[in-house]
């Protein structure tokens, strides 16, 4: 266990509280409930892995897997569009779409 986890568990023991951090549940959306996207990527990037308990680390890994699957879906959609450049997408002709991109 990391020093941060050991310190947390020691403080919980001394205070007579269970060795589980429940306060984080009141602080907003959990990683397991955060939808895949830019916000989840930011939160994963800013997380100090050494401070996570084994359960939190498990949820971190699952969230990272969801994010990777989401990004893979974006990549597959882009490849599909790249491989079919002449096919109109969403009812918009490709030349009009390029003009709207700048």
Protein backbone atom coordinates (compact mmCIF):
# COMPACT_ATOMS: atom_id res chain seq x y z
CA UNK A 1 0.00 0.00 0.00
CA UNK A 2 1.10 3.52 -0.67
CA UNK A 3 2.09 5.83 2.19
CA UNK A 4 -1.04 7.92 1.55
CA UNK A 5 -3.31 4.91 1.98
CA UNK A 6 -1.49 3.77 5.13
CA UNK A 7 -1.78 7.28 6.58
CA UNK A 8 -5.50 7.43 5.78
CA UNK A 9 -6.16 4.02 7.34
CA UNK A 10 -4.19 4.97 10.46
CA UNK A 11 -6.17 8.21 10.88
CA UNK A 12 -9.44 6.32 10.45
CA UNK A 13 -8.37 3.75 13.07
CA UNK A 14 -7.33 6.42 15.59
CA UNK A 15 -10.60 8.31 15.08
CA UNK A 16 -12.64 5.12 15.55
CA UNK A 17 -14.12 5.28 12.04
CA UNK A 18 -14.34 2.44 9.52
CA UNK A 19 -11.38 2.06 7.14
CA UNK A 20 -13.47 3.24 4.21
CA UNK A 21 -13.56 6.77 2.82
CA UNK A 22 -17.23 7.67 2.33
CA UNK A 23 -16.86 11.47 2.29
CA UNK A 24 -15.88 11.53 -1.40
CA UNK A 25 -19.41 10.38 -2.30
CA UNK A 26 -20.72 13.81 -1.30
CA UNK A 27 -18.19 15.69 -3.44
CA UNK A 28 -19.74 15.14 -6.88
CA UNK A 29 -19.93 12.57 -9.63
CA UNK A 30 -17.89 9.43 -8.98
CA UNK A 31 -15.50 8.13 -11.62
CA UNK A 32 -17.75 5.12 -12.17
CA UNK A 33 -20.71 7.44 -12.93
CA UNK A 34 -18.77 10.01 -15.01
CA UNK A 35 -19.73 9.72 -18.70
CA UNK A 36 -16.87 8.97 -21.08
CA UNK A 37 -15.46 12.10 -22.63
CA UNK A 38 -13.15 15.03 -22.02
CA UNK A 39 -14.14 15.54 -18.36
CA UNK A 40 -13.44 11.90 -17.52
CA UNK A 41 -10.06 12.15 -19.28
CA UNK A 42 -9.21 15.27 -17.25
CA UNK A 43 -10.18 13.65 -13.97
CA UNK A 44 -8.19 10.50 -14.71
CA UNK A 45 -5.16 12.58 -15.65
CA UNK A 46 -5.33 14.63 -12.44
CA UNK A 47 -5.77 11.62 -10.12
CA UNK A 48 -2.87 10.73 -7.81
CA UNK A 49 -2.70 6.95 -8.17
CA UNK A 50 -0.58 6.60 -5.04
CA UNK A 51 -3.39 8.05 -2.93
CA UNK A 52 -6.04 5.57 -4.09
CA UNK A 53 -7.27 2.64 -2.05
CA UNK A 54 -7.46 -0.73 -3.84
CA UNK A 55 -11.22 -0.25 -4.40
CA UNK A 56 -10.71 3.25 -5.78
CA UNK A 57 -7.92 1.97 -8.02
CA UNK A 58 -10.30 -0.68 -9.37
CA UNK A 59 -12.86 2.03 -10.25
CA UNK A 60 -10.08 4.13 -11.79
CA UNK A 61 -9.06 1.24 -14.07
CA UNK A 62 -12.68 0.60 -15.09
CA UNK A 63 -13.17 4.30 -15.89
CA UNK A 64 -9.97 4.31 -17.96
CA UNK A 65 -11.26 1.26 -19.88
CA UNK A 66 -14.56 3.05 -20.61
CA UNK A 67 -12.66 6.10 -21.81
CA UNK A 68 -10.47 3.96 -24.08
CA UNK A 69 -13.55 2.25 -25.57
CA UNK A 70 -15.16 5.65 -26.17
CA UNK A 71 -12.01 6.97 -27.87
CA UNK A 72 -11.80 3.81 -29.99
CA UNK A 73 -15.38 4.43 -31.15
CA UNK A 74 -14.40 7.95 -32.20
CA UNK A 75 -11.40 6.59 -34.08
CA UNK A 76 -13.50 3.96 -35.87
CA UNK A 77 -16.07 6.56 -36.91
CA UNK A 78 -13.31 8.82 -38.28
CA UNK A 79 -11.73 5.94 -40.22
CA UNK A 80 -15.13 5.02 -41.64
CA UNK A 81 -15.65 8.59 -42.87
CA UNK A 82 -12.12 8.72 -44.25
CA UNK A 83 -12.60 5.49 -46.19
CA UNK A 84 -15.87 6.72 -47.72
CA UNK A 85 -15.09 10.37 -48.64
CA UNK A 86 -17.63 10.61 -51.51
CA UNK A 87 -20.60 9.40 -49.46
CA UNK A 88 -22.76 12.21 -47.99
CA UNK A 89 -22.92 12.04 -44.18
CA UNK A 90 -25.98 13.19 -42.21
CA UNK A 91 -27.59 14.67 -45.32
CA UNK A 92 -24.76 17.19 -45.86
CA UNK A 93 -22.63 17.03 -48.98
CA UNK A 94 -18.89 16.72 -48.24
CA UNK A 95 -17.95 20.05 -49.91
CA UNK A 96 -20.43 21.94 -47.72
CA UNK A 97 -19.07 20.22 -44.61
CA UNK A 98 -15.48 21.17 -45.50
CA UNK A 99 -16.51 24.78 -46.02
CA UNK A 100 -18.11 24.88 -42.57
CA UNK A 101 -14.87 23.61 -40.97
CA UNK A 102 -12.95 26.63 -42.15
